[in-house]
Amino acid sequence: MGSMEYSRWLVEPFVPQEIVQAAIHTQRLPYVIGKDDYLPLRPLWPGFAINTVFYAAILWLLTLGLLTARRMIRRKRGRCIKCGYDLRGTSGGGGVCPECGAPAT
């Protein structure tokens, strides 16, 4: 049983024979729904690219926002904004974190 026969066997009970023949000709089988309706099997590249850029930008902004919020919370609590080391008990020491060496602000 060849692949064409198998595809016809899958579709014949549900779709009229004319549509099956048209689908075989245009290679849209077995996803035929109606005479002019079919499920797209190939991506629409402009839409795919736009969606990728859009969701990547959202993910980047979300990550940037979370990192900024973490730095603000650490600064408010008197910690190093880079590593989170508690700077409240340290002397001035040149304004650097004793743990990671980042400038203490």
PDB file of N, CA and C in Angstrom:
ATOM      1  N   MET A   1       0.851  -1.176   0.000  1.00  0.00           N
ATOM      2  CA  MET A   1       0.000   0.000   0.000  1.00  0.00           C
ATOM      3  C   MET A   1       0.892   1.232   0.000  1.00  0.00           C
ATOM      4  N   GLY A   2       0.828   2.032  -1.053  1.00  0.00           N
ATOM      5  CA  GLY A   2       1.655   3.229  -1.169  1.00  0.00           C
ATOM      6  C   GLY A   2       1.130   4.363  -0.308  1.00  0.00           C
ATOM      7  N   SER A   3       1.913   5.413  -0.181  1.00  0.00           N
ATOM      8  CA  SER A   3       1.507   6.544   0.655  1.00  0.00           C
ATOM      9  C   SER A   3       0.287   7.257   0.091  1.00  0.00           C
ATOM     10  N   MET A   4       0.148   7.291  -1.236  1.00  0.00           N
ATOM     11  CA  MET A   4      -1.011   7.942  -1.843  1.00  0.00           C
ATOM     12  C   MET A   4      -2.284   7.170  -1.507  1.00  0.00           C
ATOM     13  N   GLU A   5      -2.212   5.840  -1.558  1.00  0.00           N
ATOM     14  CA  GLU A   5      -3.372   5.025  -1.225  1.00  0.00           C
ATOM     15  C   GLU A   5      -3.723   5.197   0.246  1.00  0.00           C
ATOM     16  N   TYR A   6      -2.724   5.245   1.098  1.00  0.00           N
ATOM     17  CA  TYR A   6      -2.957   5.412   2.525  1.00  0.00           C
ATOM     18  C   TYR A   6      -3.619   6.764   2.798  1.00  0.00           C
ATOM     19  N   SER A   7      -3.149   7.815   2.128  1.00  0.00           N
ATOM     20  CA  SER A   7      -3.726   9.146   2.313  1.00  0.00           C
ATOM     21  C   SER A   7      -5.172   9.169   1.845  1.00  0.00           C
ATOM     22  N   ARG A   8      -5.473   8.525   0.714  1.00  0.00           N
ATOM     23  CA  ARG A   8      -6.851   8.461   0.236  1.00  0.00           C
ATOM     24  C   ARG A   8      -7.725   7.701   1.221  1.00  0.00           C
ATOM     25  N   TRP A   9      -7.186   6.635   1.784  1.00  0.00           N
ATOM     26  CA  TRP A   9      -7.946   5.844   2.740  1.00  0.00           C
ATOM     27  C   TRP A   9      -8.298   6.673   3.975  1.00  0.00           C
ATOM     28  N   LEU A  10      -7.392   7.548   4.405  1.00  0.00           N
ATOM     29  CA  LEU A  10      -7.655   8.391   5.568  1.00  0.00           C
ATOM     30  C   LEU A  10      -8.731   9.437   5.292  1.00  0.00           C
ATOM     31  N   VAL A  11      -8.775   9.961   4.073  1.00  0.00           N
ATOM     32  CA  VAL A  11      -9.616  11.107   3.779  1.00  0.00           C
ATOM     33  C   VAL A  11     -10.955  10.728   3.158  1.00  0.00           C
ATOM     34  N   GLU A  12     -11.023   9.652   2.386  1.00  0.00           N
ATOM     35  CA  GLU A  12     -12.217   9.327   1.615  1.00  0.00           C
ATOM     36  C   GLU A  12     -13.520   9.311   2.411  1.00  0.00           C
ATOM     37  N   PRO A  13     -13.573   8.741   3.613  1.00  0.00           N
ATOM     38  CA  PRO A  13     -14.868   8.716   4.298  1.00  0.00           C
ATOM     39  C   PRO A  13     -15.392  10.107   4.664  1.00  0.00           C
ATOM     40  N   PHE A  14     -14.531  11.120   4.711  1.00  0.00           N
ATOM     41  CA  PHE A  14     -14.930  12.420   5.219  1.00  0.00           C
ATOM     42  C   PHE A  14     -15.069  13.493   4.149  1.00  0.00           C
ATOM     43  N   VAL A  15     -14.377  13.361   3.031  1.00  0.00           N
ATOM     44  CA  VAL A  15     -14.304  14.420   2.029  1.00  0.00           C
ATOM     45  C   VAL A  15     -14.688  13.848   0.659  1.00  0.00           C
ATOM     46  N   PRO A  16     -15.480  14.588  -0.135  1.00  0.00           N
ATOM     47  CA  PRO A  16     -15.830  14.105  -1.473  1.00  0.00           C
ATOM     48  C   PRO A  16     -14.590  13.860  -2.333  1.00  0.00           C
ATOM     49  N   GLN A  17     -14.726  12.957  -3.294  1.00  0.00           N
ATOM     50  CA  GLN A  17     -13.606  12.519  -4.132  1.00  0.00           C
ATOM     51  C   GLN A  17     -12.976  13.663  -4.931  1.00  0.00           C
ATOM     52  N   GLU A  18     -13.774  14.642  -5.393  1.00  0.00           N
ATOM     53  CA  GLU A  18     -13.206  15.755  -6.165  1.00  0.00           C
ATOM     54  C   GLU A  18     -12.224  16.554  -5.326  1.00  0.00           C
ATOM     55  N   ILE A  19     -12.569  16.741  -4.081  1.00  0.00           N
ATOM     56  CA  ILE A  19     -11.694  17.506  -3.188  1.00  0.00           C
ATOM     57  C   ILE A  19     -10.430  16.708  -2.884  1.00  0.00           C
ATOM     58  N   VAL A  20     -10.570  15.402  -2.753  1.00  0.00           N
ATOM     59  CA  VAL A  20      -9.401  14.560  -2.513  1.00  0.00           C
ATOM     60  C   VAL A  20      -8.439  14.663  -3.689  1.00  0.00           C
ATOM     61  N   GLN A  21      -8.978  14.617  -4.916  1.00  0.00           N
ATOM     62  CA  GLN A  21      -8.131  14.706  -6.101  1.00  0.00           C
ATOM     63  C   GLN A  21      -7.436  16.072  -6.174  1.00  0.00           C
ATOM     64  N   ALA A  22      -8.182  17.144  -5.870  1.00  0.00           N
ATOM     65  CA  ALA A  22      -7.584  18.479  -5.872  1.00  0.00           C
ATOM     66  C   ALA A  22      -6.502  18.589  -4.799  1.00  0.00           C
ATOM     67  N   ALA A  23      -6.740  17.993  -3.654  1.00  0.00           N
ATOM     68  CA  ALA A  23      -5.760  18.035  -2.565  1.00  0.00           C
ATOM     69  C   ALA A  23      -4.507  17.258  -2.923  1.00  0.00           C
ATOM     70  N   ILE A  24      -4.681  16.116  -3.603  1.00  0.00           N
ATOM     71  CA  ILE A  24      -3.524  15.331  -4.022  1.00  0.00           C
ATOM     72  C   ILE A  24      -2.709  16.130  -5.028  1.00  0.00           C
ATOM     73  N   HIS A  25      -3.403  16.834  -5.905  1.00  0.00           N
ATOM     74  CA  HIS A  25      -2.722  17.632  -6.924  1.00  0.00           C
ATOM     75  C   HIS A  25      -1.932  18.782  -6.296  1.00  0.00           C
ATOM     76  N   THR A  26      -2.494  19.441  -5.269  1.00  0.00           N
ATOM     77  CA  THR A  26      -1.830  20.583  -4.638  1.00  0.00           C
ATOM     78  C   THR A  26      -1.006  20.181  -3.416  1.00  0.00           C
ATOM     79  N   GLN A  27      -0.965  18.905  -3.098  1.00  0.00           N
ATOM     80  CA  GLN A  27      -0.193  18.352  -1.975  1.00  0.00           C
ATOM     81  C   GLN A  27      -0.618  18.945  -0.644  1.00  0.00           C
ATOM     82  N   ARG A  28      -1.913  19.081  -0.436  1.00  0.00           N
ATOM     83  CA  ARG A  28      -2.434  19.575   0.840  1.00  0.00           C
ATOM     84  C   ARG A  28      -3.114  18.469   1.632  1.00  0.00           C
ATOM     85  N   LEU A  29      -2.890  17.257   1.278  1.00  0.00           N
ATOM     86  CA  LEU A  29      -3.493  16.111   1.921  1.00  0.00           C
ATOM     87  C   LEU A  29      -2.646  15.711   3.114  1.00  0.00           C
ATOM     88  N   PRO A  30      -3.159  15.279   4.206  1.00  0.00           N
ATOM     89  CA  PRO A  30      -4.527  14.971   4.569  1.00  0.00           C
ATOM     90  C   PRO A  30      -5.214  16.074   5.355  1.00  0.00           C
ATOM     91  N   TYR A  31      -4.736  17.301   5.265  1.00  0.00           N
ATOM     92  CA  TYR A  31      -5.273  18.385   6.063  1.00  0.00           C
ATOM     93  C   TYR A  31      -6.390  19.140   5.365  1.00  0.00           C
ATOM     94  N   VAL A  32      -7.093  18.510   4.465  1.00  0.00           N
ATOM     95  CA  VAL A  32      -8.169  19.145   3.717  1.00  0.00           C
ATOM     96  C   VAL A  32      -9.381  19.284   4.624  1.00  0.00           C
ATOM     97  N   ILE A  33      -9.967  20.478   4.652  1.00  0.00           N
ATOM     98  CA  ILE A  33     -11.167  20.723   5.436  1.00  0.00           C
ATOM     99  C   ILE A  33     -12.358  20.890   4.503  1.00  0.00           C
ATOM    100  N   GLY A  34     -12.223  21.701   3.507  1.00  0.00           N
ATOM    101  CA  GLY A  34     -13.278  21.938   2.537  1.00  0.00           C
ATOM    102  C   GLY A  34     -12.634  22.194   1.194  1.00  0.00           C
ATOM    103  N   LYS A  35     -13.438  22.594   0.221  1.00  0.00           N
ATOM    104  CA  LYS A  35     -12.901  22.776  -1.118  1.00  0.00           C
ATOM    105  C   LYS A  35     -11.829  23.867  -1.172  1.00  0.00           C
ATOM    106  N   ASP A  36     -12.071  24.997  -0.511  1.00  0.00           N
ATOM    107  CA  ASP A  36     -11.114  26.102  -0.544  1.00  0.00           C
ATOM    108  C   ASP A  36     -10.419  26.327   0.794  1.00  0.00           C
ATOM    109  N   ASP A  37     -10.739  25.526   1.777  1.00  0.00           N
ATOM    110  CA  ASP A  37     -10.148  25.685   3.101  1.00  0.00           C
ATOM    111  C   ASP A  37      -9.108  24.602   3.339  1.00  0.00           C
ATOM    112  N   TYR A  38      -7.995  24.986   3.925  1.00  0.00           N
ATOM    113  CA  TYR A  38      -6.969  24.022   4.292  1.00  0.00           C
ATOM    114  C   TYR A  38      -6.160  24.602   5.446  1.00  0.00           C
ATOM    115  N   LEU A  39      -5.506  23.728   6.166  1.00  0.00           N
ATOM    116  CA  LEU A  39      -4.627  24.161   7.241  1.00  0.00           C
ATOM    117  C   LEU A  39      -3.274  24.507   6.646  1.00  0.00           C
ATOM    118  N   PRO A  40      -2.726  25.666   6.970  1.00  0.00           N
ATOM    119  CA  PRO A  40      -1.418  26.023   6.417  1.00  0.00           C
ATOM    120  C   PRO A  40      -0.333  25.128   7.008  1.00  0.00           C
ATOM    121  N   LEU A  41       0.555  24.672   6.171  1.00  0.00           N
ATOM    122  CA  LEU A  41       1.625  23.781   6.605  1.00  0.00           C
ATOM    123  C   LEU A  41       2.984  24.461   6.612  1.00  0.00           C
ATOM    124  N   ARG A  42       3.071  25.657   6.100  1.00  0.00           N
ATOM    125  CA  ARG A  42       4.332  26.390   6.050  1.00  0.00           C
ATOM    126  C   ARG A  42       4.195  27.673   6.862  1.00  0.00           C
ATOM    127  N   PRO A  43       5.256  28.086   7.549  1.00  0.00           N
ATOM    128  CA  PRO A  43       5.166  29.340   8.313  1.00  0.00           C
ATOM    129  C   PRO A  43       5.093  30.548   7.388  1.00  0.00           C
ATOM    130  N   LEU A  44       4.427  31.579   7.851  1.00  0.00           N
ATOM    131  CA  LEU A  44       4.397  32.860   7.153  1.00  0.00           C
ATOM    132  C   LEU A  44       5.566  33.667   7.712  1.00  0.00           C
ATOM    133  N   TRP A  45       6.651  33.746   6.958  1.00  0.00           N
ATOM    134  CA  TRP A  45       7.910  34.276   7.470  1.00  0.00           C
ATOM    135  C   TRP A  45       7.833  35.702   7.989  1.00  0.00           C
ATOM    136  N   PRO A  46       7.154  36.651   7.335  1.00  0.00           N
ATOM    137  CA  PRO A  46       7.114  37.998   7.919  1.00  0.00           C
ATOM    138  C   PRO A  46       6.435  38.014   9.290  1.00  0.00           C
ATOM    139  N   GLY A  47       5.332  37.301   9.416  1.00  0.00           N
ATOM    140  CA  GLY A  47       4.650  37.237  10.708  1.00  0.00           C
ATOM    141  C   GLY A  47       5.475  36.521  11.748  1.00  0.00           C
ATOM    142  N   PHE A  48       6.158  35.465  11.341  1.00  0.00           N
ATOM    143  CA  PHE A  48       7.020  34.726  12.256  1.00  0.00           C
ATOM    144  C   PHE A  48       8.141  35.624  12.776  1.00  0.00           C
ATOM    145  N   ALA A  49       8.755  36.398  11.895  1.00  0.00           N
ATOM    146  CA  ALA A  49       9.847  37.293  12.288  1.00  0.00           C
ATOM    147  C   ALA A  49       9.342  38.401  13.213  1.00  0.00           C
ATOM    148  N   ILE A  50       8.194  38.977  12.875  1.00  0.00           N
ATOM    149  CA  ILE A  50       7.634  40.048  13.706  1.00  0.00           C
ATOM    150  C   ILE A  50       7.286  39.524  15.090  1.00  0.00           C
ATOM    151  N   ASN A  51       6.666  38.346  15.167  1.00  0.00           N
ATOM    152  CA  ASN A  51       6.334  37.759  16.465  1.00  0.00           C
ATOM    153  C   ASN A  51       7.588  37.458  17.273  1.00  0.00           C
ATOM    154  N   THR A  52       8.616  36.963  16.623  1.00  0.00           N
ATOM    155  CA  THR A  52       9.857  36.649  17.329  1.00  0.00           C
ATOM    156  C   THR A  52      10.469  37.904  17.935  1.00  0.00           C
ATOM    157  N   VAL A  53      10.549  38.969  17.156  1.00  0.00           N
ATOM    158  CA  VAL A  53      11.117  40.226  17.655  1.00  0.00           C
ATOM    159  C   VAL A  53      10.243  40.798  18.776  1.00  0.00           C
ATOM    160  N   PHE A  54       8.936  40.758  18.605  1.00  0.00           N
ATOM    161  CA  PHE A  54       8.011  41.303  19.598  1.00  0.00           C
ATOM    162  C   PHE A  54       8.159  40.578  20.942  1.00  0.00           C
ATOM    163  N   TYR A  55       8.118  39.246  20.922  1.00  0.00           N
ATOM    164  CA  TYR A  55       8.193  38.506  22.182  1.00  0.00           C
ATOM    165  C   TYR A  55       9.600  38.530  22.776  1.00  0.00           C
ATOM    166  N   ALA A  56      10.626  38.624  21.947  1.00  0.00           N
ATOM    167  CA  ALA A  56      11.980  38.781  22.478  1.00  0.00           C
ATOM    168  C   ALA A  56      12.127  40.121  23.185  1.00  0.00           C
ATOM    169  N   ALA A  57      11.529  41.184  22.625  1.00  0.00           N
ATOM    170  CA  ALA A  57      11.580  42.501  23.264  1.00  0.00           C
ATOM    171  C   ALA A  57      10.838  42.487  24.596  1.00  0.00           C
ATOM    172  N   ILE A  58       9.690  41.834  24.641  1.00  0.00           N
ATOM    173  CA  ILE A  58       8.942  41.734  25.906  1.00  0.00           C
ATOM    174  C   ILE A  58       9.763  40.989  26.947  1.00  0.00           C
ATOM    175  N   LEU A  59      10.379  39.871  26.553  1.00  0.00           N
ATOM    176  CA  LEU A  59      11.204  39.100  27.478  1.00  0.00           C
ATOM    177  C   LEU A  59      12.401  39.916  27.956  1.00  0.00           C
ATOM    178  N   TRP A  60      13.026  40.664  27.053  1.00  0.00           N
ATOM    179  CA  TRP A  60      14.178  41.489  27.422  1.00  0.00           C
ATOM    180  C   TRP A  60      13.760  42.586  28.409  1.00  0.00           C
ATOM    181  N   LEU A  61      12.630  43.259  28.133  1.00  0.00           N
ATOM    182  CA  LEU A  61      12.164  44.317  29.031  1.00  0.00           C
ATOM    183  C   LEU A  61      11.780  43.764  30.397  1.00  0.00           C
ATOM    184  N   LEU A  62      11.170  42.604  30.421  1.00  0.00           N
ATOM    185  CA  LEU A  62      10.807  41.975  31.689  1.00  0.00           C
ATOM    186  C   LEU A  62      12.059  41.642  32.499  1.00  0.00           C
ATOM    187  N   THR A  63      13.065  41.080  31.843  1.00  0.00           N
ATOM    188  CA  THR A  63      14.317  40.753  32.525  1.00  0.00           C
ATOM    189  C   THR A  63      15.015  42.012  33.031  1.00  0.00           C
ATOM    190  N   LEU A  64      15.064  43.036  32.183  1.00  0.00           N
ATOM    191  CA  LEU A  64      15.687  44.299  32.592  1.00  0.00           C
ATOM    192  C   LEU A  64      14.953  44.913  33.786  1.00  0.00           C
ATOM    193  N   GLY A  65      13.636  44.869  33.767  1.00  0.00           N
ATOM    194  CA  GLY A  65      12.850  45.405  34.878  1.00  0.00           C
ATOM    195  C   GLY A  65      13.106  44.661  36.175  1.00  0.00           C
ATOM    196  N   LEU A  66      13.184  43.325  36.099  1.00  0.00           N
ATOM    197  CA  LEU A  66      13.439  42.542  37.313  1.00  0.00           C
ATOM    198  C   LEU A  66      14.839  42.804  37.865  1.00  0.00           C
ATOM    199  N   LEU A  67      15.822  42.925  36.981  1.00  0.00           N
ATOM    200  CA  LEU A  67      17.188  43.207  37.443  1.00  0.00           C
ATOM    201  C   LEU A  67      17.287  44.596  38.065  1.00  0.00           C
ATOM    202  N   THR A  68      16.602  45.567  37.479  1.00  0.00           N
ATOM    203  CA  THR A  68      16.599  46.923  38.036  1.00  0.00           C
ATOM    204  C   THR A  68      15.914  46.946  39.398  1.00  0.00           C
ATOM    205  N   ALA A  69      14.808  46.236  39.527  1.00  0.00           N
ATOM    206  CA  ALA A  69      14.110  46.170  40.816  1.00  0.00           C
ATOM    207  C   ALA A  69      14.992  45.521  41.874  1.00  0.00           C
ATOM    208  N   ARG A  70      15.735  44.487  41.494  1.00  0.00           N
ATOM    209  CA  ARG A  70      16.630  43.828  42.456  1.00  0.00           C
ATOM    210  C   ARG A  70      17.729  44.779  42.927  1.00  0.00           C
ATOM    211  N   ARG A  71      18.303  45.540  41.995  1.00  0.00           N
ATOM    212  CA  ARG A  71      19.329  46.513  42.381  1.00  0.00           C
ATOM    213  C   ARG A  71      18.762  47.576  43.318  1.00  0.00           C
ATOM    214  N   MET A  72      17.561  48.061  43.030  1.00  0.00           N
ATOM    215  CA  MET A  72      16.943  49.097  43.879  1.00  0.00           C
ATOM    216  C   MET A  72      16.662  48.569  45.281  1.00  0.00           C
ATOM    217  N   ILE A  73      16.193  47.339  45.378  1.00  0.00           N
ATOM    218  CA  ILE A  73      15.914  46.747  46.697  1.00  0.00           C
ATOM    219  C   ILE A  73      17.212  46.562  47.469  1.00  0.00           C
ATOM    220  N   ARG A  74      18.259  46.093  46.806  1.00  0.00           N
ATOM    221  CA  ARG A  74      19.551  45.924  47.490  1.00  0.00           C
ATOM    222  C   ARG A  74      20.097  47.259  47.973  1.00  0.00           C
ATOM    223  N   ARG A  75      20.009  48.301  47.149  1.00  0.00           N
ATOM    224  CA  ARG A  75      20.496  49.625  47.537  1.00  0.00           C
ATOM    225  C   ARG A  75      19.709  50.139  48.741  1.00  0.00           C
ATOM    226  N   LYS A  76      18.401  49.965  48.742  1.00  0.00           N
ATOM    227  CA  LYS A  76      17.545  50.436  49.834  1.00  0.00           C
ATOM    228  C   LYS A  76      17.865  49.710  51.142  1.00  0.00           C
ATOM    229  N   ARG A  77      18.236  48.447  51.065  1.00  0.00           N
ATOM    230  CA  ARG A  77      18.522  47.652  52.263  1.00  0.00           C
ATOM    231  C   ARG A  77      19.977  47.771  52.718  1.00  0.00           C
ATOM    232  N   GLY A  78      20.785  48.572  52.022  1.00  0.00           N
ATOM    233  CA  GLY A  78      22.181  48.769  52.420  1.00  0.00           C
ATOM    234  C   GLY A  78      23.085  47.628  52.002  1.00  0.00           C
ATOM    235  N   ARG A  79      22.816  47.034  50.907  1.00  0.00           N
ATOM    236  CA  ARG A  79      23.618  45.913  50.411  1.00  0.00           C
ATOM    237  C   ARG A  79      24.341  46.317  49.124  1.00  0.00           C
ATOM    238  N   CYS A  80      25.349  45.534  48.764  1.00  0.00           N
ATOM    239  CA  CYS A  80      26.057  45.735  47.501  1.00  0.00           C
ATOM    240  C   CYS A  80      25.081  45.429  46.362  1.00  0.00           C
ATOM    241  N   ILE A  81      25.028  46.324  45.378  1.00  0.00           N
ATOM    242  CA  ILE A  81      24.058  46.114  44.302  1.00  0.00           C
ATOM    243  C   ILE A  81      24.478  45.003  43.350  1.00  0.00           C
ATOM    244  N   LYS A  82      25.749  44.604  43.383  1.00  0.00           N
ATOM    245  CA  LYS A  82      26.215  43.555  42.485  1.00  0.00           C
ATOM    246  C   LYS A  82      26.076  42.159  43.110  1.00  0.00           C
ATOM    247  N   CYS A  83      26.554  41.976  44.328  1.00  0.00           N
ATOM    248  CA  CYS A  83      26.563  40.640  44.931  1.00  0.00           C
ATOM    249  C   CYS A  83      25.584  40.483  46.095  1.00  0.00           C
ATOM    250  N   GLY A  84      25.053  41.576  46.648  1.00  0.00           N
ATOM    251  CA  GLY A  84      24.098  41.494  47.747  1.00  0.00           C
ATOM    252  C   GLY A  84      24.731  41.418  49.128  1.00  0.00           C
ATOM    253  N   TYR A  85      26.035  41.647  49.222  1.00  0.00           N
ATOM    254  CA  TYR A  85      26.733  41.608  50.512  1.00  0.00           C
ATOM    255  C   TYR A  85      26.258  42.762  51.388  1.00  0.00           C
ATOM    256  N   ASP A  86      26.040  42.490  52.672  1.00  0.00           N
ATOM    257  CA  ASP A  86      25.554  43.510  53.610  1.00  0.00           C
ATOM    258  C   ASP A  86      26.681  44.501  53.915  1.00  0.00           C
ATOM    259  N   LEU A  87      26.477  45.769  53.512  1.00  0.00           N
ATOM    260  CA  LEU A  87      27.500  46.800  53.678  1.00  0.00           C
ATOM    261  C   LEU A  87      27.256  47.685  54.897  1.00  0.00           C
ATOM    262  N   ARG A  88      26.225  47.405  55.681  1.00  0.00           N
ATOM    263  CA  ARG A  88      25.898  48.292  56.803  1.00  0.00           C
ATOM    264  C   ARG A  88      26.961  48.289  57.890  1.00  0.00           C
ATOM    265  N   GLY A  89      27.628  47.183  58.110  1.00  0.00           N
ATOM    266  CA  GLY A  89      28.616  47.102  59.186  1.00  0.00           C
ATOM    267  C   GLY A  89      30.031  47.432  58.737  1.00  0.00           C
ATOM    268  N   THR A  90      30.244  47.717  57.484  1.00  0.00           N
ATOM    269  CA  THR A  90      31.600  47.989  57.000  1.00  0.00           C
ATOM    270  C   THR A  90      31.907  49.472  57.128  1.00  0.00           C
ATOM    271  N   SER A  91      33.194  49.751  57.322  1.00  0.00           N
ATOM    272  CA  SER A  91      33.606  51.149  57.345  1.00  0.00           C
ATOM    273  C   SER A  91      33.675  51.650  55.910  1.00  0.00           C
ATOM    274  N   GLY A  92      33.885  52.923  55.717  1.00  0.00           N
ATOM    275  CA  GLY A  92      33.927  53.517  54.382  1.00  0.00           C
ATOM    276  C   GLY A  92      34.779  52.715  53.418  1.00  0.00           C
ATOM    277  N   GLY A  93      35.998  52.396  53.782  1.00  0.00           N
ATOM    278  CA  GLY A  93      36.887  51.526  53.028  1.00  0.00           C
ATOM    279  C   GLY A  93      37.083  51.899  51.581  1.00  0.00           C
ATOM    280  N   GLY A  94      36.985  53.150  51.243  1.00  0.00           N
ATOM    281  CA  GLY A  94      37.214  53.556  49.863  1.00  0.00           C
ATOM    282  C   GLY A  94      35.994  53.379  48.975  1.00  0.00           C
ATOM    283  N   GLY A  95      34.867  53.025  49.552  1.00  0.00           N
ATOM    284  CA  GLY A  95      33.634  52.917  48.782  1.00  0.00           C
ATOM    285  C   GLY A  95      33.569  51.708  47.866  1.00  0.00           C
ATOM    286  N   VAL A  96      34.211  50.598  48.289  1.00  0.00           N
ATOM    287  CA  VAL A  96      34.111  49.373  47.498  1.00  0.00           C
ATOM    288  C   VAL A  96      33.565  48.250  48.374  1.00  0.00           C
ATOM    289  N   CYS A  97      32.935  47.316  47.751  1.00  0.00           N
ATOM    290  CA  CYS A  97      32.401  46.151  48.450  1.00  0.00           C
ATOM    291  C   CYS A  97      33.562  45.227  48.806  1.00  0.00           C
ATOM    292  N   PRO A  98      33.680  44.812  50.063  1.00  0.00           N
ATOM    293  CA  PRO A  98      34.788  43.913  50.433  1.00  0.00           C
ATOM    294  C   PRO A  98      34.627  42.505  49.863  1.00  0.00           C
ATOM    295  N   GLU A  99      33.433  42.155  49.437  1.00  0.00           N
ATOM    296  CA  GLU A  99      33.183  40.812  48.925  1.00  0.00           C
ATOM    297  C   GLU A  99      33.552  40.684  47.443  1.00  0.00           C
ATOM    298  N   CYS A 100      33.057  41.634  46.615  1.00  0.00           N
ATOM    299  CA  CYS A 100      33.254  41.487  45.170  1.00  0.00           C
ATOM    300  C   CYS A 100      34.072  42.613  44.549  1.00  0.00           C
ATOM    301  N   GLY A 101      34.337  43.699  45.291  1.00  0.00           N
ATOM    302  CA  GLY A 101      35.142  44.794  44.778  1.00  0.00           C
ATOM    303  C   GLY A 101      34.379  45.806  43.940  1.00  0.00           C
ATOM    304  N   ALA A 102      33.072  45.664  43.878  1.00  0.00           N
ATOM    305  CA  ALA A 102      32.261  46.612  43.109  1.00  0.00           C
ATOM    306  C   ALA A 102      32.167  47.927  43.879  1.00  0.00           C
ATOM    307  N   PRO A 103      32.040  49.042  43.165  1.00  0.00           N
ATOM    308  CA  PRO A 103      31.897  50.318  43.869  1.00  0.00           C
ATOM    309  C   PRO A 103      30.604  50.331  44.692  1.00  0.00           C
ATOM    310  N   ALA A 104      30.740  50.694  45.949  1.00  0.00           N
ATOM    311  CA  ALA A 104      29.572  50.767  46.831  1.00  0.00           C
ATOM    312  C   ALA A 104      28.902  52.126  46.660  1.00  0.00           C
ATOM    313  N   THR A 105      27.629  52.091  46.317  1.00  0.00           N
ATOM    314  CA  THR A 105      26.907  53.359  46.125  1.00  0.00           C
ATOM    315  C   THR A 105      25.785  53.490  47.094  1.00  0.00           C
TER     316      THR A 105
END
